[in-house]
Amino acid sequence: MPPRAVRWGVLRGSTSAIGPRSAHELAPECAGPLIHLGSAHLEAGDLELSETTFRRATEATEGAIYEAHFNLARALVSQRRHGDAREALERALEMDPAYDPARALLEELDELQRLTG
């Protein structure tokens, strides 16, 4: 099966596919479509575009905004920007202290820092 981004048509410029970009245009206040779009960019290796998209998702007023902060942290870790990633994870946990994926990634960053000094 082709990568999710290709199926959605977002990386090939397809206007016939209904995907996160179209969904975001229909509900710009919702974080979900931007999170999906940012994830597609991250999977495709476009780290800067994924970061930009996740940052836009963190500014949404509806949806899983804590998840947008977590995914922003994933993009920042991929760029080896661990301090910035830590800030994004802390923000995610402020919004939802029970969000285990953010806690797990924060623990991984702590371990990495411990090992590398």
N, C-alpha and C. Protein backbone atom coordinates (compact mmCIF):
# COMPACT_ATOMS: atom_id res chain seq x y z
N MET A 1 0.85 -1.18 0.00
CA MET A 1 0.00 0.00 0.00
C MET A 1 0.89 1.24 0.00
N PRO A 2 0.56 2.28 -0.78
CA PRO A 2 1.40 3.48 -0.82
C PRO A 2 1.38 4.21 0.51
N PRO A 3 2.39 5.05 0.75
CA PRO A 3 2.42 5.81 2.00
C PRO A 3 1.14 6.62 2.16
N ARG A 4 0.78 6.85 3.41
CA ARG A 4 -0.45 7.57 3.73
C ARG A 4 -0.52 8.90 3.00
N ALA A 5 0.59 9.61 2.93
CA ALA A 5 0.58 10.93 2.30
C ALA A 5 0.20 10.83 0.83
N VAL A 6 0.65 9.76 0.16
CA VAL A 6 0.31 9.59 -1.25
C VAL A 6 -1.16 9.23 -1.39
N ARG A 7 -1.65 8.34 -0.50
CA ARG A 7 -3.07 7.99 -0.56
C ARG A 7 -3.94 9.22 -0.36
N TRP A 8 -3.53 10.12 0.53
CA TRP A 8 -4.30 11.33 0.77
C TRP A 8 -4.16 12.33 -0.37
N GLY A 9 -3.11 12.20 -1.14
CA GLY A 9 -2.89 13.11 -2.24
C GLY A 9 -2.23 14.41 -1.84
N VAL A 10 -1.79 14.54 -0.60
CA VAL A 10 -1.28 15.83 -0.15
C VAL A 10 0.11 16.13 -0.67
N LEU A 11 0.90 15.11 -0.99
CA LEU A 11 2.25 15.37 -1.44
C LEU A 11 2.36 15.40 -2.96
N ARG A 12 1.36 14.91 -3.62
CA ARG A 12 1.39 14.93 -5.08
C ARG A 12 0.52 16.04 -5.65
N GLY A 13 -0.05 16.83 -4.78
CA GLY A 13 -0.85 17.97 -5.24
C GLY A 13 -2.20 17.60 -5.79
N SER A 14 -2.69 16.42 -5.48
CA SER A 14 -3.98 16.00 -5.98
C SER A 14 -5.09 16.87 -5.39
N THR A 15 -5.98 17.31 -6.25
CA THR A 15 -7.13 18.07 -5.75
C THR A 15 -8.35 17.17 -5.64
N SER A 16 -8.25 15.93 -6.11
CA SER A 16 -9.41 15.05 -6.05
C SER A 16 -9.50 14.31 -4.73
N ALA A 17 -8.40 14.21 -4.00
CA ALA A 17 -8.41 13.48 -2.74
C ALA A 17 -8.91 14.39 -1.62
N ILE A 18 -9.75 13.83 -0.77
CA ILE A 18 -10.16 14.55 0.44
C ILE A 18 -9.21 14.08 1.52
N GLY A 19 -8.43 14.96 2.02
CA GLY A 19 -7.45 14.60 3.03
C GLY A 19 -7.36 15.68 4.08
N PRO A 20 -6.33 15.62 4.90
CA PRO A 20 -6.20 16.57 6.00
C PRO A 20 -6.18 18.03 5.55
N ARG A 21 -5.55 18.31 4.41
CA ARG A 21 -5.52 19.71 3.97
C ARG A 21 -6.94 20.20 3.72
N SER A 22 -7.73 19.41 3.01
CA SER A 22 -9.12 19.79 2.74
C SER A 22 -9.91 19.87 4.03
N ALA A 23 -9.70 18.92 4.92
CA ALA A 23 -10.42 18.92 6.19
C ALA A 23 -10.05 20.16 7.01
N HIS A 24 -8.79 20.56 6.97
CA HIS A 24 -8.39 21.75 7.71
C HIS A 24 -9.07 22.99 7.13
N GLU A 25 -9.21 23.03 5.83
CA GLU A 25 -9.89 24.17 5.22
C GLU A 25 -11.35 24.23 5.64
N LEU A 26 -11.96 23.06 5.86
CA LEU A 26 -13.36 23.01 6.28
C LEU A 26 -13.52 23.35 7.77
N ALA A 27 -12.51 23.02 8.58
CA ALA A 27 -12.58 23.26 10.03
C ALA A 27 -11.23 23.78 10.52
N PRO A 28 -10.87 25.02 10.18
CA PRO A 28 -9.53 25.53 10.50
C PRO A 28 -9.24 25.63 11.99
N GLU A 29 -10.26 25.61 12.83
CA GLU A 29 -10.04 25.71 14.27
C GLU A 29 -9.68 24.37 14.90
N CYS A 30 -9.76 23.29 14.14
CA CYS A 30 -9.55 21.94 14.67
C CYS A 30 -8.12 21.46 14.43
N ALA A 31 -7.49 20.92 15.46
CA ALA A 31 -6.10 20.47 15.37
C ALA A 31 -5.94 19.17 14.58
N GLY A 32 -6.94 18.31 14.59
CA GLY A 32 -6.81 16.97 14.02
C GLY A 32 -6.29 16.91 12.59
N PRO A 33 -6.90 17.63 11.65
CA PRO A 33 -6.41 17.55 10.27
C PRO A 33 -4.95 18.00 10.13
N LEU A 34 -4.56 19.01 10.89
CA LEU A 34 -3.17 19.46 10.82
C LEU A 34 -2.23 18.43 11.43
N ILE A 35 -2.67 17.76 12.47
CA ILE A 35 -1.84 16.70 13.06
C ILE A 35 -1.61 15.60 12.03
N HIS A 36 -2.66 15.21 11.33
CA HIS A 36 -2.53 14.17 10.30
C HIS A 36 -1.63 14.63 9.16
N LEU A 37 -1.80 15.86 8.73
CA LEU A 37 -0.98 16.40 7.66
C LEU A 37 0.49 16.48 8.08
N GLY A 38 0.73 16.97 9.30
CA GLY A 38 2.10 17.04 9.81
C GLY A 38 2.73 15.66 9.91
N SER A 39 1.94 14.67 10.32
CA SER A 39 2.45 13.30 10.40
C SER A 39 2.83 12.77 9.02
N ALA A 40 2.03 13.11 8.02
CA ALA A 40 2.36 12.69 6.65
C ALA A 40 3.67 13.31 6.20
N HIS A 41 3.86 14.58 6.51
CA HIS A 41 5.12 15.24 6.16
C HIS A 41 6.29 14.63 6.91
N LEU A 42 6.08 14.29 8.18
CA LEU A 42 7.14 13.68 8.97
C LEU A 42 7.51 12.31 8.40
N GLU A 43 6.51 11.51 8.06
CA GLU A 43 6.76 10.20 7.45
C GLU A 43 7.50 10.33 6.12
N ALA A 44 7.22 11.40 5.39
CA ALA A 44 7.87 11.62 4.10
C ALA A 44 9.27 12.20 4.25
N GLY A 45 9.65 12.54 5.49
CA GLY A 45 10.99 13.07 5.73
C GLY A 45 11.11 14.57 5.59
N ASP A 46 10.01 15.27 5.44
CA ASP A 46 10.05 16.73 5.33
C ASP A 46 9.92 17.31 6.74
N LEU A 47 11.05 17.39 7.44
CA LEU A 47 11.05 17.77 8.86
C LEU A 47 10.62 19.21 9.08
N GLU A 48 11.05 20.11 8.23
CA GLU A 48 10.68 21.52 8.40
C GLU A 48 9.19 21.73 8.19
N LEU A 49 8.65 21.12 7.15
CA LEU A 49 7.22 21.28 6.88
C LEU A 49 6.39 20.60 7.96
N SER A 50 6.85 19.46 8.45
CA SER A 50 6.10 18.81 9.54
C SER A 50 6.12 19.70 10.78
N GLU A 51 7.26 20.29 11.09
CA GLU A 51 7.34 21.19 12.25
C GLU A 51 6.37 22.36 12.09
N THR A 52 6.39 22.99 10.93
CA THR A 52 5.51 24.13 10.67
C THR A 52 4.04 23.73 10.82
N THR A 53 3.70 22.58 10.29
CA THR A 53 2.31 22.11 10.34
C THR A 53 1.89 21.79 11.77
N PHE A 54 2.77 21.12 12.51
CA PHE A 54 2.44 20.83 13.92
C PHE A 54 2.33 22.11 14.74
N ARG A 55 3.18 23.09 14.45
CA ARG A 55 3.07 24.37 15.18
C ARG A 55 1.71 25.02 14.92
N ARG A 56 1.26 24.95 13.68
CA ARG A 56 -0.07 25.48 13.37
C ARG A 56 -1.15 24.73 14.15
N ALA A 57 -0.97 23.41 14.29
CA ALA A 57 -1.94 22.60 15.03
C ALA A 57 -1.97 22.98 16.50
N THR A 58 -0.82 23.38 17.06
CA THR A 58 -0.79 23.78 18.47
C THR A 58 -1.56 25.07 18.70
N GLU A 59 -1.81 25.82 17.66
CA GLU A 59 -2.54 27.08 17.77
C GLU A 59 -4.04 26.91 17.56
N ALA A 60 -4.48 25.70 17.29
CA ALA A 60 -5.90 25.44 17.08
C ALA A 60 -6.66 25.66 18.38
N THR A 61 -7.95 25.83 18.25
CA THR A 61 -8.79 26.05 19.44
C THR A 61 -9.63 24.84 19.79
N GLU A 62 -9.64 23.83 18.93
CA GLU A 62 -10.43 22.63 19.18
C GLU A 62 -9.59 21.40 18.85
N GLY A 63 -9.97 20.29 19.47
CA GLY A 63 -9.30 19.03 19.18
C GLY A 63 -8.20 18.71 20.18
N ALA A 64 -7.43 17.71 19.85
CA ALA A 64 -6.39 17.18 20.73
C ALA A 64 -5.12 18.03 20.61
N ILE A 65 -5.16 19.22 21.15
CA ILE A 65 -4.03 20.14 21.02
C ILE A 65 -2.81 19.59 21.75
N TYR A 66 -3.03 18.85 22.83
CA TYR A 66 -1.91 18.20 23.52
C TYR A 66 -1.18 17.24 22.59
N GLU A 67 -1.93 16.59 21.70
CA GLU A 67 -1.34 15.68 20.73
C GLU A 67 -0.53 16.45 19.68
N ALA A 68 -0.97 17.65 19.36
CA ALA A 68 -0.20 18.49 18.43
C ALA A 68 1.15 18.83 19.04
N HIS A 69 1.18 19.14 20.33
CA HIS A 69 2.45 19.44 21.01
C HIS A 69 3.35 18.20 21.02
N PHE A 70 2.77 17.04 21.27
CA PHE A 70 3.54 15.79 21.25
C PHE A 70 4.15 15.56 19.87
N ASN A 71 3.35 15.73 18.83
CA ASN A 71 3.86 15.51 17.48
C ASN A 71 4.88 16.56 17.08
N LEU A 72 4.71 17.77 17.55
CA LEU A 72 5.73 18.79 17.34
C LEU A 72 7.04 18.32 17.96
N ALA A 73 6.96 17.75 19.15
CA ALA A 73 8.16 17.22 19.81
C ALA A 73 8.80 16.12 18.97
N ARG A 74 8.01 15.26 18.37
CA ARG A 74 8.56 14.20 17.50
C ARG A 74 9.35 14.81 16.34
N ALA A 75 8.78 15.85 15.73
CA ALA A 75 9.47 16.51 14.62
C ALA A 75 10.76 17.16 15.10
N LEU A 76 10.73 17.75 16.28
CA LEU A 76 11.93 18.41 16.83
C LEU A 76 13.00 17.39 17.21
N VAL A 77 12.60 16.25 17.76
CA VAL A 77 13.56 15.18 18.06
C VAL A 77 14.22 14.72 16.77
N SER A 78 13.45 14.60 15.71
CA SER A 78 14.01 14.18 14.42
C SER A 78 15.05 15.16 13.90
N GLN A 79 14.96 16.41 14.36
CA GLN A 79 15.93 17.44 13.98
C GLN A 79 17.03 17.60 15.04
N ARG A 80 17.01 16.72 16.03
CA ARG A 80 17.98 16.74 17.14
C ARG A 80 17.88 18.03 17.96
N ARG A 81 16.71 18.59 18.04
CA ARG A 81 16.45 19.80 18.83
C ARG A 81 15.77 19.38 20.13
N HIS A 82 16.54 18.71 20.96
CA HIS A 82 16.00 18.06 22.14
C HIS A 82 15.44 19.04 23.17
N GLY A 83 16.07 20.19 23.36
CA GLY A 83 15.56 21.18 24.30
C GLY A 83 14.19 21.68 23.89
N ASP A 84 14.04 21.99 22.60
CA ASP A 84 12.74 22.44 22.10
C ASP A 84 11.70 21.33 22.20
N ALA A 85 12.14 20.08 21.93
CA ALA A 85 11.23 18.94 22.03
C ALA A 85 10.75 18.78 23.47
N ARG A 86 11.65 18.94 24.42
CA ARG A 86 11.30 18.83 25.83
C ARG A 86 10.21 19.86 26.19
N GLU A 87 10.37 21.09 25.71
CA GLU A 87 9.37 22.12 25.98
C GLU A 87 8.00 21.73 25.42
N ALA A 88 7.99 21.19 24.21
CA ALA A 88 6.73 20.79 23.59
C ALA A 88 6.09 19.64 24.38
N LEU A 89 6.90 18.71 24.84
CA LEU A 89 6.37 17.59 25.63
C LEU A 89 5.84 18.06 26.97
N GLU A 90 6.54 18.98 27.59
CA GLU A 90 6.05 19.52 28.87
C GLU A 90 4.72 20.23 28.68
N ARG A 91 4.58 20.94 27.58
CA ARG A 91 3.31 21.62 27.29
C ARG A 91 2.20 20.58 27.07
N ALA A 92 2.51 19.51 26.35
CA ALA A 92 1.52 18.45 26.14
C ALA A 92 1.06 17.87 27.47
N LEU A 93 2.01 17.66 28.37
CA LEU A 93 1.67 17.07 29.67
C LEU A 93 0.96 18.06 30.58
N GLU A 94 1.20 19.35 30.40
CA GLU A 94 0.43 20.35 31.14
C GLU A 94 -1.04 20.26 30.73
N MET A 95 -1.27 20.04 29.45
CA MET A 95 -2.63 20.00 28.92
C MET A 95 -3.33 18.68 29.27
N ASP A 96 -2.55 17.59 29.27
CA ASP A 96 -3.11 16.27 29.60
C ASP A 96 -2.05 15.46 30.34
N PRO A 97 -2.03 15.56 31.67
CA PRO A 97 -1.01 14.86 32.45
C PRO A 97 -1.01 13.34 32.29
N ALA A 98 -2.10 12.78 31.79
CA ALA A 98 -2.19 11.33 31.62
C ALA A 98 -1.81 10.87 30.22
N TYR A 99 -1.29 11.77 29.39
CA TYR A 99 -0.97 11.40 28.00
C TYR A 99 0.35 10.64 27.97
N ASP A 100 0.25 9.32 27.99
CA ASP A 100 1.41 8.44 28.11
C ASP A 100 2.44 8.56 26.98
N PRO A 101 2.04 8.75 25.72
CA PRO A 101 3.07 8.89 24.69
C PRO A 101 4.02 10.06 24.94
N ALA A 102 3.49 11.17 25.45
CA ALA A 102 4.35 12.33 25.75
C ALA A 102 5.28 12.00 26.91
N ARG A 103 4.74 11.35 27.91
CA ARG A 103 5.55 10.98 29.07
C ARG A 103 6.67 10.01 28.66
N ALA A 104 6.35 9.05 27.80
CA ALA A 104 7.35 8.07 27.36
C ALA A 104 8.46 8.74 26.55
N LEU A 105 8.10 9.66 25.66
CA LEU A 105 9.13 10.34 24.86
C LEU A 105 9.98 11.24 25.75
N LEU A 106 9.37 11.86 26.73
CA LEU A 106 10.13 12.69 27.67
C LEU A 106 11.12 11.83 28.46
N GLU A 107 10.70 10.64 28.86
CA GLU A 107 11.61 9.72 29.55
C GLU A 107 12.76 9.29 28.64
N GLU A 108 12.47 9.08 27.35
CA GLU A 108 13.54 8.73 26.40
C GLU A 108 14.53 9.89 26.27
N LEU A 109 14.03 11.11 26.23
CA LEU A 109 14.93 12.26 26.17
C LEU A 109 15.78 12.37 27.43
N ASP A 110 15.18 12.09 28.59
CA ASP A 110 15.92 12.10 29.84
C ASP A 110 17.04 11.07 29.82
N GLU A 111 16.72 9.89 29.33
CA GLU A 111 17.72 8.80 29.23
C GLU A 111 18.84 9.19 28.26
N LEU A 112 18.47 9.76 27.13
CA LEU A 112 19.47 10.19 26.16
C LEU A 112 20.40 11.24 26.77
N GLN A 113 19.82 12.19 27.48
CA GLN A 113 20.63 13.22 28.12
C GLN A 113 21.55 12.60 29.18
N ARG A 114 21.04 11.64 29.93
CA ARG A 114 21.84 10.97 30.94
C ARG A 114 23.03 10.24 30.31
N LEU A 115 22.79 9.60 29.16
CA LEU A 115 23.84 8.82 28.50
C LEU A 115 24.87 9.68 27.79
N THR A 116 24.42 10.83 27.29
CA THR A 116 25.34 11.67 26.51
C THR A 116 25.90 12.83 27.31
N GLY A 117 25.39 13.01 28.50
CA GLY A 117 25.93 14.05 29.39
C GLY A 117 25.46 15.37 29.01
